[in-house]
Amino acid sequence: TSGFDLDAHTPVADGHCGVGAGITRRWDEFAPAVTQFTTDVGAIGECR
């Protein structure tokens, strides 16, 4: 198993809103030779 996560976010509109995003790239070996490759992306925005 190996991989990385990267998440980031930043305020906008004088801090009343924020946007964020993230990505995962991961190679899993749950047991010997039992494998899976995963790509996970997400984006989120919020205004208060």
ModelCIF file with pLDDT and N, C-alpha, C, O atoms, coordinates in Angstrom:
data_MODEL
#
_entry.id   MODEL 
#
_entity.id                         1 
_entity.type                       polymer 
_entity.pdbx_number_of_molecules   1 
#
_entity_poly.entity_id                      1 
_entity_poly.type                           'polypeptide(L)' 
_entity_poly.nstd_linkage                   no 
_entity_poly.nstd_monomer                   no 
_entity_poly.pdbx_seq_one_letter_code       TSGFDLDAHTPVADGHCGVGAGITRRWDEFAPAVTQFTTDVGAIGECR 
_entity_poly.pdbx_seq_one_letter_code_can   TSGFDLDAHTPVADGHCGVGAGITRRWDEFAPAVTQFTTDVGAIGECR 
_entity_poly.pdbx_strand_id                 A 
#
loop_
_entity_poly_seq.entity_id 
_entity_poly_seq.num 
_entity_poly_seq.mon_id 
_entity_poly_seq.hetero 
1 1  THR n 
1 2  SER n 
1 3  GLY n 
1 4  PHE n 
1 5  ASP n 
1 6  LEU n 
1 7  ASP n 
1 8  ALA n 
1 9  HIS n 
1 10 THR n 
1 11 PRO n 
1 12 VAL n 
1 13 ALA n 
1 14 ASP n 
1 15 GLY n 
1 16 HIS n 
1 17 CYS n 
1 18 GLY n 
1 19 VAL n 
1 20 GLY n 
1 21 ALA n 
1 22 GLY n 
1 23 ILE n 
1 24 THR n 
1 25 ARG n 
1 26 ARG n 
1 27 TRP n 
1 28 ASP n 
1 29 GLU n 
1 30 PHE n 
1 31 ALA n 
1 32 PRO n 
1 33 ALA n 
1 34 VAL n 
1 35 THR n 
1 36 GLN n 
1 37 PHE n 
1 38 THR n 
1 39 THR n 
1 40 ASP n 
1 41 VAL n 
1 42 GLY n 
1 43 ALA n 
1 44 ILE n 
1 45 GLY n 
1 46 GLU n 
1 47 CYS n 
1 48 ARG n 
#
_struct_asym.id          A 
_struct_asym.entity_id   1 
#
loop_
_ma_qa_metric.id 
_ma_qa_metric.mode 
_ma_qa_metric.name 
_ma_qa_metric.software_group_id 
_ma_qa_metric.type 
1 global pLDDT . pLDDT 
2 local  pLDDT . pLDDT 
#
_ma_qa_metric_global.metric_id      1 
_ma_qa_metric_global.metric_value   91.77 
_ma_qa_metric_global.model_id       1 
_ma_qa_metric_global.ordinal_id     1 
#
loop_
_ma_qa_metric_local.label_asym_id 
_ma_qa_metric_local.label_comp_id 
_ma_qa_metric_local.label_seq_id 
_ma_qa_metric_local.metric_id 
_ma_qa_metric_local.metric_value 
_ma_qa_metric_local.model_id 
_ma_qa_metric_local.ordinal_id 
A THR 1  2 88.00 1 1  
A SER 2  2 95.00 1 2  
A GLY 3  2 95.00 1 3  
A PHE 4  2 96.00 1 4  
A ASP 5  2 94.00 1 5  
A LEU 6  2 96.00 1 6  
A ASP 7  2 95.00 1 7  
A ALA 8  2 96.00 1 8  
A HIS 9  2 95.00 1 9  
A THR 10 2 96.00 1 10 
A PRO 11 2 95.00 1 11 
A VAL 12 2 94.00 1 12 
A ALA 13 2 89.00 1 13 
A ASP 14 2 88.00 1 14 
A GLY 15 2 87.00 1 15 
A HIS 16 2 92.00 1 16 
A CYS 17 2 95.00 1 17 
A GLY 18 2 96.00 1 18 
A VAL 19 2 97.00 1 19 
A GLY 20 2 96.00 1 20 
A ALA 21 2 96.00 1 21 
A GLY 22 2 95.00 1 22 
A ILE 23 2 96.00 1 23 
A THR 24 2 94.00 1 24 
A ARG 25 2 95.00 1 25 
A ARG 26 2 93.00 1 26 
A TRP 27 2 93.00 1 27 
A ASP 28 2 88.00 1 28 
A GLU 29 2 85.00 1 29 
A PHE 30 2 78.00 1 30 
A ALA 31 2 75.00 1 31 
A PRO 32 2 75.00 1 32 
A ALA 33 2 75.00 1 33 
A VAL 34 2 79.00 1 34 
A THR 35 2 86.00 1 35 
A GLN 36 2 89.00 1 36 
A PHE 37 2 93.00 1 37 
A THR 38 2 92.00 1 38 
A THR 39 2 94.00 1 39 
A ASP 40 2 93.00 1 40 
A VAL 41 2 95.00 1 41 
A GLY 42 2 95.00 1 42 
A ALA 43 2 97.00 1 43 
A ILE 44 2 97.00 1 44 
A GLY 45 2 97.00 1 45 
A GLU 46 2 96.00 1 46 
A CYS 47 2 96.00 1 47 
A ARG 48 2 93.00 1 48 
#
loop_
_atom_site.group_PDB 
_atom_site.id 
_atom_site.type_symbol 
_atom_site.label_atom_id 
_atom_site.label_alt_id 
_atom_site.label_comp_id 
_atom_site.label_asym_id 
_atom_site.label_entity_id 
_atom_site.label_seq_id 
_atom_site.pdbx_PDB_ins_code 
_atom_site.Cartn_x 
_atom_site.Cartn_y 
_atom_site.Cartn_z 
_atom_site.occupancy 
_atom_site.B_iso_or_equiv 
_atom_site.pdbx_formal_charge 
_atom_site.auth_seq_id 
_atom_site.auth_comp_id 
_atom_site.auth_asym_id 
_atom_site.auth_atom_id 
_atom_site.pdbx_PDB_model_num 
ATOM 1   N N  . THR A 1 1  ? 0.830   -1.210  0.000  1.00 88.00 ? 1  THR A N  1 
ATOM 2   C CA . THR A 1 1  ? 0.000   0.000   0.000  1.00 88.00 ? 1  THR A CA 1 
ATOM 3   C C  . THR A 1 1  ? 0.867   1.264   0.000  1.00 88.00 ? 1  THR A C  1 
ATOM 4   O O  . THR A 1 1  ? 1.851   1.350   0.735  1.00 88.00 ? 1  THR A O  1 
ATOM 5   N N  . SER A 1 2  ? 0.491   2.248   -0.835 1.00 95.00 ? 2  SER A N  1 
ATOM 6   C CA . SER A 1 2  ? 1.173   3.536   -0.849 1.00 95.00 ? 2  SER A CA 1 
ATOM 7   C C  . SER A 1 2  ? 0.226   4.565   -1.443 1.00 95.00 ? 2  SER A C  1 
ATOM 8   O O  . SER A 1 2  ? -0.699  4.220   -2.177 1.00 95.00 ? 2  SER A O  1 
ATOM 9   N N  . GLY A 1 3  ? 0.463   5.842   -1.118 1.00 95.00 ? 3  GLY A N  1 
ATOM 10  C CA . GLY A 1 3  ? -0.391  6.880   -1.681 1.00 95.00 ? 3  GLY A CA 1 
ATOM 11  C C  . GLY A 1 3  ? -0.230  8.195   -0.962 1.00 95.00 ? 3  GLY A C  1 
ATOM 12  O O  . GLY A 1 3  ? 0.615   8.340   -0.079 1.00 95.00 ? 3  GLY A O  1 
ATOM 13  N N  . PHE A 1 4  ? -1.064  9.168   -1.355 1.00 96.00 ? 4  PHE A N  1 
ATOM 14  C CA . PHE A 1 4  ? -1.022  10.469  -0.702 1.00 96.00 ? 4  PHE A CA 1 
ATOM 15  C C  . PHE A 1 4  ? -2.409  11.102  -0.749 1.00 96.00 ? 4  PHE A C  1 
ATOM 16  O O  . PHE A 1 4  ? -3.226  10.798  -1.618 1.00 96.00 ? 4  PHE A O  1 
ATOM 17  N N  . ASP A 1 5  ? -2.651  12.005  0.227  1.00 94.00 ? 5  ASP A N  1 
ATOM 18  C CA . ASP A 1 5  ? -3.816  12.880  0.242  1.00 94.00 ? 5  ASP A CA 1 
ATOM 19  C C  . ASP A 1 5  ? -3.312  14.315  0.189  1.00 94.00 ? 5  ASP A C  1 
ATOM 20  O O  . ASP A 1 5  ? -2.252  14.626  0.733  1.00 94.00 ? 5  ASP A O  1 
ATOM 21  N N  . LEU A 1 6  ? -4.072  15.190  -0.468 1.00 96.00 ? 6  LEU A N  1 
ATOM 22  C CA . LEU A 1 6  ? -3.747  16.608  -0.476 1.00 96.00 ? 6  LEU A CA 1 
ATOM 23  C C  . LEU A 1 6  ? -5.049  17.390  -0.398 1.00 96.00 ? 6  LEU A C  1 
ATOM 24  O O  . LEU A 1 6  ? -5.882  17.313  -1.301 1.00 96.00 ? 6  LEU A O  1 
ATOM 25  N N  . ASP A 1 7  ? -5.222  18.149  0.692  1.00 95.00 ? 7  ASP A N  1 
ATOM 26  C CA . ASP A 1 7  ? -6.403  18.974  0.892  1.00 95.00 ? 7  ASP A CA 1 
ATOM 27  C C  . ASP A 1 7  ? -5.984  20.431  1.031  1.00 95.00 ? 7  ASP A C  1 
ATOM 28  O O  . ASP A 1 7  ? -4.936  20.739  1.600  1.00 95.00 ? 7  ASP A O  1 
ATOM 29  N N  . ALA A 1 8  ? -6.831  21.336  0.495  1.00 96.00 ? 8  ALA A N  1 
ATOM 30  C CA . ALA A 1 8  ? -6.545  22.767  0.607  1.00 96.00 ? 8  ALA A CA 1 
ATOM 31  C C  . ALA A 1 8  ? -7.859  23.529  0.650  1.00 96.00 ? 8  ALA A C  1 
ATOM 32  O O  . ALA A 1 8  ? -8.857  23.091  0.078  1.00 96.00 ? 8  ALA A O  1 
ATOM 33  N N  . HIS A 1 9  ? -7.857  24.685  1.337  1.00 95.00 ? 9  HIS A N  1 
ATOM 34  C CA . HIS A 1 9  ? -9.028  25.550  1.361  1.00 95.00 ? 9  HIS A CA 1 
ATOM 35  C C  . HIS A 1 9  ? -8.581  26.985  1.568  1.00 95.00 ? 9  HIS A C  1 
ATOM 36  O O  . HIS A 1 9  ? -7.505  27.252  2.104  1.00 95.00 ? 9  HIS A O  1 
ATOM 37  N N  . THR A 1 10 ? -9.440  27.907  1.128  1.00 96.00 ? 10 THR A N  1 
ATOM 38  C CA . THR A 1 10 ? -9.103  29.321  1.252  1.00 96.00 ? 10 THR A CA 1 
ATOM 39  C C  . THR A 1 10 ? -10.373 30.132  1.423  1.00 96.00 ? 10 THR A C  1 
ATOM 40  O O  . THR A 1 10 ? -11.401 29.788  0.840  1.00 96.00 ? 10 THR A O  1 
ATOM 41  N N  . PRO A 1 11 ? -10.330 31.209  2.214  1.00 95.00 ? 11 PRO A N  1 
ATOM 42  C CA . PRO A 1 11 ? -11.508 32.069  2.364  1.00 95.00 ? 11 PRO A CA 1 
ATOM 43  C C  . PRO A 1 11 ? -11.689 32.966  1.146  1.00 95.00 ? 11 PRO A C  1 
ATOM 44  O O  . PRO A 1 11 ? -10.720 33.308  0.468  1.00 95.00 ? 11 PRO A O  1 
ATOM 45  N N  . VAL A 1 12 ? -12.930 33.343  0.874  1.00 94.00 ? 12 VAL A N  1 
ATOM 46  C CA . VAL A 1 12 ? -13.264 34.309  -0.170 1.00 94.00 ? 12 VAL A CA 1 
ATOM 47  C C  . VAL A 1 12 ? -14.369 35.209  0.381  1.00 94.00 ? 12 VAL A C  1 
ATOM 48  O O  . VAL A 1 12 ? -14.960 34.916  1.420  1.00 94.00 ? 12 VAL A O  1 
ATOM 49  N N  . ALA A 1 13 ? -14.641 36.307  -0.326 1.00 89.00 ? 13 ALA A N  1 
ATOM 50  C CA . ALA A 1 13 ? -15.694 37.253  0.060  1.00 89.00 ? 13 ALA A CA 1 
ATOM 51  C C  . ALA A 1 13 ? -15.511 37.731  1.501  1.00 89.00 ? 13 ALA A C  1 
ATOM 52  O O  . ALA A 1 13 ? -16.429 37.667  2.318  1.00 89.00 ? 13 ALA A O  1 
ATOM 53  N N  . ASP A 1 14 ? -14.288 38.217  1.791  1.00 88.00 ? 14 ASP A N  1 
ATOM 54  C CA . ASP A 1 14 ? -13.980 38.768  3.121  1.00 88.00 ? 14 ASP A CA 1 
ATOM 55  C C  . ASP A 1 14 ? -14.218 37.755  4.238  1.00 88.00 ? 14 ASP A C  1 
ATOM 56  O O  . ASP A 1 14 ? -14.585 38.129  5.352  1.00 88.00 ? 14 ASP A O  1 
ATOM 57  N N  . GLY A 1 15 ? -14.011 36.487  3.941  1.00 87.00 ? 15 GLY A N  1 
ATOM 58  C CA . GLY A 1 15 ? -14.128 35.454  4.957  1.00 87.00 ? 15 GLY A CA 1 
ATOM 59  C C  . GLY A 1 15 ? -15.525 34.937  5.183  1.00 87.00 ? 15 GLY A C  1 
ATOM 60  O O  . GLY A 1 15 ? -15.714 34.009  5.969  1.00 87.00 ? 15 GLY A O  1 
ATOM 61  N N  . HIS A 1 16 ? -16.529 35.517  4.507  1.00 92.00 ? 16 HIS A N  1 
ATOM 62  C CA . HIS A 1 16 ? -17.891 35.006  4.661  1.00 92.00 ? 16 HIS A CA 1 
ATOM 63  C C  . HIS A 1 16 ? -18.094 33.684  3.910  1.00 92.00 ? 16 HIS A C  1 
ATOM 64  O O  . HIS A 1 16 ? -19.012 32.925  4.222  1.00 92.00 ? 16 HIS A O  1 
ATOM 65  N N  . CYS A 1 17 ? -17.253 33.418  2.940  1.00 95.00 ? 17 CYS A N  1 
ATOM 66  C CA . CYS A 1 17 ? -17.338 32.181  2.151  1.00 95.00 ? 17 CYS A CA 1 
ATOM 67  C C  . CYS A 1 17 ? -15.972 31.507  2.134  1.00 95.00 ? 17 CYS A C  1 
ATOM 68  O O  . CYS A 1 17 ? -14.950 32.111  2.459  1.00 95.00 ? 17 CYS A O  1 
ATOM 69  N N  . GLY A 1 18 ? -15.989 30.246  1.749  1.00 96.00 ? 18 GLY A N  1 
ATOM 70  C CA . GLY A 1 18 ? -14.747 29.496  1.616  1.00 96.00 ? 18 GLY A CA 1 
ATOM 71  C C  . GLY A 1 18 ? -14.899 28.421  0.556  1.00 96.00 ? 18 GLY A C  1 
ATOM 72  O O  . GLY A 1 18 ? -15.992 27.896  0.341  1.00 96.00 ? 18 GLY A O  1 
ATOM 73  N N  . VAL A 1 19 ? -13.800 28.098  -0.101 1.00 97.00 ? 19 VAL A N  1 
ATOM 74  C CA . VAL A 1 19 ? -13.794 27.007  -1.081 1.00 97.00 ? 19 VAL A CA 1 
ATOM 75  C C  . VAL A 1 19 ? -12.648 26.069  -0.726 1.00 97.00 ? 19 VAL A C  1 
ATOM 76  O O  . VAL A 1 19 ? -11.596 26.501  -0.256 1.00 97.00 ? 19 VAL A O  1 
ATOM 77  N N  . GLY A 1 20 ? -12.868 24.794  -0.954 1.00 96.00 ? 20 GLY A N  1 
ATOM 78  C CA . GLY A 1 20 ? -11.844 23.806  -0.659 1.00 96.00 ? 20 GLY A CA 1 
ATOM 79  C C  . GLY A 1 20 ? -11.884 22.678  -1.672 1.00 96.00 ? 20 GLY A C  1 
ATOM 80  O O  . GLY A 1 20 ? -12.893 22.461  -2.343 1.00 96.00 ? 20 GLY A O  1 
ATOM 81  N N  . ALA A 1 21 ? -10.779 21.967  -1.773 1.00 96.00 ? 21 ALA A N  1 
ATOM 82  C CA . ALA A 1 21 ? -10.679 20.840  -2.696 1.00 96.00 ? 21 ALA A CA 1 
ATOM 83  C C  . ALA A 1 21 ? -9.648  19.862  -2.166 1.00 96.00 ? 21 ALA A C  1 
ATOM 84  O O  . ALA A 1 21 ? -8.806  20.212  -1.340 1.00 96.00 ? 21 ALA A O  1 
ATOM 85  N N  . GLY A 1 22 ? -9.726  18.641  -2.651 1.00 95.00 ? 22 GLY A N  1 
ATOM 86  C CA . GLY A 1 22 ? -8.772  17.625  -2.222 1.00 95.00 ? 22 GLY A CA 1 
ATOM 87  C C  . GLY A 1 22 ? -8.648  16.527  -3.248 1.00 95.00 ? 22 GLY A C  1 
ATOM 88  O O  . GLY A 1 22 ? -9.529  16.344  -4.088 1.00 95.00 ? 22 GLY A O  1 
ATOM 89  N N  . ILE A 1 23 ? -7.535  15.785  -3.178 1.00 96.00 ? 23 ILE A N  1 
ATOM 90  C CA . ILE A 1 23 ? -7.297  14.666  -4.076 1.00 96.00 ? 23 ILE A CA 1 
ATOM 91  C C  . ILE A 1 23 ? -6.587  13.555  -3.321 1.00 96.00 ? 23 ILE A C  1 
ATOM 92  O O  . ILE A 1 23 ? -5.732  13.818  -2.475 1.00 96.00 ? 23 ILE A O  1 
ATOM 93  N N  . THR A 1 24 ? -6.941  12.319  -3.627 1.00 94.00 ? 24 THR A N  1 
ATOM 94  C CA . THR A 1 24 ? -6.259  11.135  -3.114 1.00 94.00 ? 24 THR A CA 1 
ATOM 95  C C  . THR A 1 24 ? -5.819  10.288  -4.301 1.00 94.00 ? 24 THR A C  1 
ATOM 96  O O  . THR A 1 24 ? -6.580  10.063  -5.242 1.00 94.00 ? 24 THR A O  1 
ATOM 97  N N  . ARG A 1 25 ? -4.579  9.826   -4.237 1.00 95.00 ? 25 ARG A N  1 
ATOM 98  C CA . ARG A 1 25 ? -4.083  8.817   -5.191 1.00 95.00 ? 25 ARG A CA 1 
ATOM 99  C C  . ARG A 1 25 ? -3.502  7.703   -4.332 1.00 95.00 ? 25 ARG A C  1 
ATOM 100 O O  . ARG A 1 25 ? -2.558  7.921   -3.572 1.00 95.00 ? 25 ARG A O  1 
ATOM 101 N N  . ARG A 1 26 ? -4.069  6.515   -4.457 1.00 93.00 ? 26 ARG A N  1 
ATOM 102 C CA . ARG A 1 26 ? -3.708  5.465   -3.506 1.00 93.00 ? 26 ARG A CA 1 
ATOM 103 C C  . ARG A 1 26 ? -3.697  4.103   -4.187 1.00 93.00 ? 26 ARG A C  1 
ATOM 104 O O  . ARG A 1 26 ? -4.611  3.750   -4.933 1.00 93.00 ? 26 ARG A O  1 
ATOM 105 N N  . TRP A 1 27 ? -2.634  3.347   -3.908 1.00 93.00 ? 27 TRP A N  1 
ATOM 106 C CA . TRP A 1 27 ? -2.529  1.952   -4.340 1.00 93.00 ? 27 TRP A CA 1 
ATOM 107 C C  . TRP A 1 27 ? -2.631  1.091   -3.090 1.00 93.00 ? 27 TRP A C  1 
ATOM 108 O O  . TRP A 1 27 ? -1.761  1.146   -2.220 1.00 93.00 ? 27 TRP A O  1 
ATOM 109 N N  . ASP A 1 28 ? -3.701  0.289   -3.000 1.00 88.00 ? 28 ASP A N  1 
ATOM 110 C CA . ASP A 1 28 ? -3.939  -0.547  -1.829 1.00 88.00 ? 28 ASP A CA 1 
ATOM 111 C C  . ASP A 1 28 ? -3.617  -2.001  -2.136 1.00 88.00 ? 28 ASP A C  1 
ATOM 112 O O  . ASP A 1 28 ? -3.946  -2.527  -3.199 1.00 88.00 ? 28 ASP A O  1 
ATOM 113 N N  . GLU A 1 29 ? -2.969  -2.625  -1.176 1.00 85.00 ? 29 GLU A N  1 
ATOM 114 C CA . GLU A 1 29 ? -2.809  -4.083  -1.204 1.00 85.00 ? 29 GLU A CA 1 
ATOM 115 C C  . GLU A 1 29 ? -3.353  -4.582  0.139  1.00 85.00 ? 29 GLU A C  1 
ATOM 116 O O  . GLU A 1 29 ? -2.640  -4.591  1.142  1.00 85.00 ? 29 GLU A O  1 
ATOM 117 N N  . PHE A 1 30 ? -4.625  -4.997  0.143  1.00 78.00 ? 30 PHE A N  1 
ATOM 118 C CA . PHE A 1 30 ? -5.311  -5.373  1.376  1.00 78.00 ? 30 PHE A CA 1 
ATOM 119 C C  . PHE A 1 30 ? -4.769  -6.677  1.951  1.00 78.00 ? 30 PHE A C  1 
ATOM 120 O O  . PHE A 1 30 ? -4.735  -6.860  3.168  1.00 78.00 ? 30 PHE A O  1 
ATOM 121 N N  . ALA A 1 31 ? -4.352  -7.566  1.085  1.00 75.00 ? 31 ALA A N  1 
ATOM 122 C CA . ALA A 1 31 ? -3.673  -8.822  1.424  1.00 75.00 ? 31 ALA A CA 1 
ATOM 123 C C  . ALA A 1 31 ? -2.725  -9.088  0.265  1.00 75.00 ? 31 ALA A C  1 
ATOM 124 O O  . ALA A 1 31 ? -2.861  -8.455  -0.783 1.00 75.00 ? 31 ALA A O  1 
ATOM 125 N N  . PRO A 1 32 ? -1.760  -10.009 0.415  1.00 75.00 ? 32 PRO A N  1 
ATOM 126 C CA . PRO A 1 32 ? -0.833  -10.249 -0.691 1.00 75.00 ? 32 PRO A CA 1 
ATOM 127 C C  . PRO A 1 32 ? -1.559  -10.506 -2.012 1.00 75.00 ? 32 PRO A C  1 
ATOM 128 O O  . PRO A 1 32 ? -2.367  -11.428 -2.120 1.00 75.00 ? 32 PRO A O  1 
ATOM 129 N N  . ALA A 1 33 ? -1.258  -9.672  -3.018 1.00 75.00 ? 33 ALA A N  1 
ATOM 130 C CA . ALA A 1 33 ? -1.808  -9.776  -4.374 1.00 75.00 ? 33 ALA A CA 1 
ATOM 131 C C  . ALA A 1 33 ? -3.289  -9.425  -4.460 1.00 75.00 ? 33 ALA A C  1 
ATOM 132 O O  . ALA A 1 33 ? -3.903  -9.636  -5.505 1.00 75.00 ? 33 ALA A O  1 
ATOM 133 N N  . VAL A 1 34 ? -3.874  -8.898  -3.396 1.00 79.00 ? 34 VAL A N  1 
ATOM 134 C CA . VAL A 1 34 ? -5.271  -8.422  -3.425 1.00 79.00 ? 34 VAL A CA 1 
ATOM 135 C C  . VAL A 1 34 ? -5.195  -6.894  -3.461 1.00 79.00 ? 34 VAL A C  1 
ATOM 136 O O  . VAL A 1 34 ? -4.999  -6.249  -2.431 1.00 79.00 ? 34 VAL A O  1 
ATOM 137 N N  . THR A 1 35 ? -5.352  -6.325  -4.656 1.00 86.00 ? 35 THR A N  1 
ATOM 138 C CA . THR A 1 35 ? -4.983  -4.935  -4.871 1.00 86.00 ? 35 THR A CA 1 
ATOM 139 C C  . THR A 1 35 ? -6.150  -4.107  -5.419 1.00 86.00 ? 35 THR A C  1 
ATOM 140 O O  . THR A 1 35 ? -7.172  -4.631  -5.863 1.00 86.00 ? 35 THR A O  1 
ATOM 141 N N  . GLN A 1 36 ? -5.939  -2.775  -5.363 1.00 89.00 ? 36 GLN A N  1 
ATOM 142 C CA . GLN A 1 36 ? -6.914  -1.823  -5.886 1.00 89.00 ? 36 GLN A CA 1 
ATOM 143 C C  . GLN A 1 36 ? -6.250  -0.461  -5.998 1.00 89.00 ? 36 GLN A C  1 
ATOM 144 O O  . GLN A 1 36 ? -5.499  -0.056  -5.111 1.00 89.00 ? 36 GLN A O  1 
ATOM 145 N N  . PHE A 1 37 ? -6.526  0.249   -7.092 1.00 93.00 ? 37 PHE A N  1 
ATOM 146 C CA . PHE A 1 37 ? -6.009  1.606   -7.278 1.00 93.00 ? 37 PHE A CA 1 
ATOM 147 C C  . PHE A 1 37 ? -7.170  2.576   -7.153 1.00 93.00 ? 37 PHE A C  1 
ATOM 148 O O  . PHE A 1 37 ? -8.202  2.387   -7.796 1.00 93.00 ? 37 PHE A O  1 
ATOM 149 N N  . THR A 1 38 ? -7.017  3.629   -6.322 1.00 92.00 ? 38 THR A N  1 
ATOM 150 C CA . THR A 1 38 ? -8.101  4.559   -6.027 1.00 92.00 ? 38 THR A CA 1 
ATOM 151 C C  . THR A 1 38 ? -7.673  5.986   -6.334 1.00 92.00 ? 38 THR A C  1 
ATOM 152 O O  . THR A 1 38 ? -6.586  6.420   -5.950 1.00 92.00 ? 38 THR A O  1 
ATOM 153 N N  . THR A 1 39 ? -8.548  6.714   -7.036 1.00 94.00 ? 39 THR A N  1 
ATOM 154 C CA . THR A 1 39 ? -8.404  8.150   -7.231 1.00 94.00 ? 39 THR A CA 1 
ATOM 155 C C  . THR A 1 39 ? -9.658  8.810   -6.679 1.00 94.00 ? 39 THR A C  1 
ATOM 156 O O  . THR A 1 39 ? -10.772 8.485   -7.090 1.00 94.00 ? 39 THR A O  1 
ATOM 157 N N  . ASP A 1 40 ? -9.473  9.731   -5.753 1.00 93.00 ? 40 ASP A N  1 
ATOM 158 C CA . ASP A 1 40 ? -10.590 10.359  -5.043 1.00 93.00 ? 40 ASP A CA 1 
ATOM 159 C C  . ASP A 1 40 ? -10.407 11.867  -5.122 1.00 93.00 ? 40 ASP A C  1 
ATOM 160 O O  . ASP A 1 40 ? -9.394  12.396  -4.666 1.00 93.00 ? 40 ASP A O  1 
ATOM 161 N N  . VAL A 1 41 ? -11.402 12.573  -5.710 1.00 95.00 ? 41 VAL A N  1 
ATOM 162 C CA . VAL A 1 41 ? -11.327 14.026  -5.783 1.00 95.00 ? 41 VAL A CA 1 
ATOM 163 C C  . VAL A 1 41 ? -12.618 14.610  -5.218 1.00 95.00 ? 41 VAL A C  1 
ATOM 164 O O  . VAL A 1 41 ? -13.681 13.997  -5.317 1.00 95.00 ? 41 VAL A O  1 
ATOM 165 N N  . GLY A 1 42 ? -12.519 15.797  -4.627 1.00 95.00 ? 42 GLY A N  1 
ATOM 166 C CA . GLY A 1 42 ? -13.694 16.446  -4.074 1.00 95.00 ? 42 GLY A CA 1 
ATOM 167 C C  . GLY A 1 42 ? -13.505 17.946  -4.030 1.00 95.00 ? 42 GLY A C  1 
ATOM 168 O O  . GLY A 1 42 ? -12.386 18.444  -3.910 1.00 95.00 ? 42 GLY A O  1 
ATOM 169 N N  . ALA A 1 43 ? -14.623 18.666  -4.129 1.00 97.00 ? 43 ALA A N  1 
ATOM 170 C CA . ALA A 1 43 ? -14.605 20.123  -4.025 1.00 97.00 ? 43 ALA A CA 1 
ATOM 171 C C  . ALA A 1 43 ? -15.835 20.560  -3.245 1.00 97.00 ? 43 ALA A C  1 
ATOM 172 O O  . ALA A 1 43 ? -16.910 19.981  -3.398 1.00 97.00 ? 43 ALA A O  1 
ATOM 173 N N  . ILE A 1 44 ? -15.678 21.580  -2.410 1.00 97.00 ? 44 ILE A N  1 
ATOM 174 C CA . ILE A 1 44 ? -16.779 22.039  -1.574 1.00 97.00 ? 44 ILE A CA 1 
ATOM 175 C C  . ILE A 1 44 ? -16.690 23.551  -1.412 1.00 97.00 ? 44 ILE A C  1 
ATOM 176 O O  . ILE A 1 44 ? -15.603 24.116  -1.290 1.00 97.00 ? 44 ILE A O  1 
ATOM 177 N N  . GLY A 1 45 ? -17.850 24.192  -1.412 1.00 97.00 ? 45 GLY A N  1 
ATOM 178 C CA . GLY A 1 45 ? -17.921 25.626  -1.183 1.00 97.00 ? 45 GLY A CA 1 
ATOM 179 C C  . GLY A 1 45 ? -19.005 25.932  -0.161 1.00 97.00 ? 45 GLY A C  1 
ATOM 180 O O  . GLY A 1 45 ? -20.054 25.287  -0.160 1.00 97.00 ? 45 GLY A O  1 
ATOM 181 N N  . GLU A 1 46 ? -18.766 26.901  0.703  1.00 96.00 ? 46 GLU A N  1 
ATOM 182 C CA . GLU A 1 46 ? -19.716 27.242  1.757  1.00 96.00 ? 46 GLU A CA 1 
ATOM 183 C C  . GLU A 1 46 ? -19.720 28.752  1.970  1.00 96.00 ? 46 GLU A C  1 
ATOM 184 O O  . GLU A 1 46 ? -18.669 29.392  2.006  1.00 96.00 ? 46 GLU A O  1 
ATOM 185 N N  . CYS A 1 47 ? -20.936 29.313  2.113  1.00 96.00 ? 47 CYS A N  1 
ATOM 186 C CA . CYS A 1 47 ? -21.100 30.719  2.446  1.00 96.00 ? 47 CYS A CA 1 
ATOM 187 C C  . CYS A 1 47 ? -21.939 30.832  3.709  1.00 96.00 ? 47 CYS A C  1 
ATOM 188 O O  . CYS A 1 47 ? -23.000 30.217  3.819  1.00 96.00 ? 47 CYS A O  1 
ATOM 189 N N  . ARG A 1 48 ? -21.463 31.613  4.649  1.00 93.00 ? 48 ARG A N  1 
ATOM 190 C CA . ARG A 1 48 ? -22.158 31.822  5.916  1.00 93.00 ? 48 ARG A CA 1 
ATOM 191 C C  . ARG A 1 48 ? -22.831 33.193  5.865  1.00 93.00 ? 48 ARG A C  1 
ATOM 192 O O  . ARG A 1 48 ? -23.484 33.597  6.827  1.00 93.00 ? 48 ARG A O  1 
#
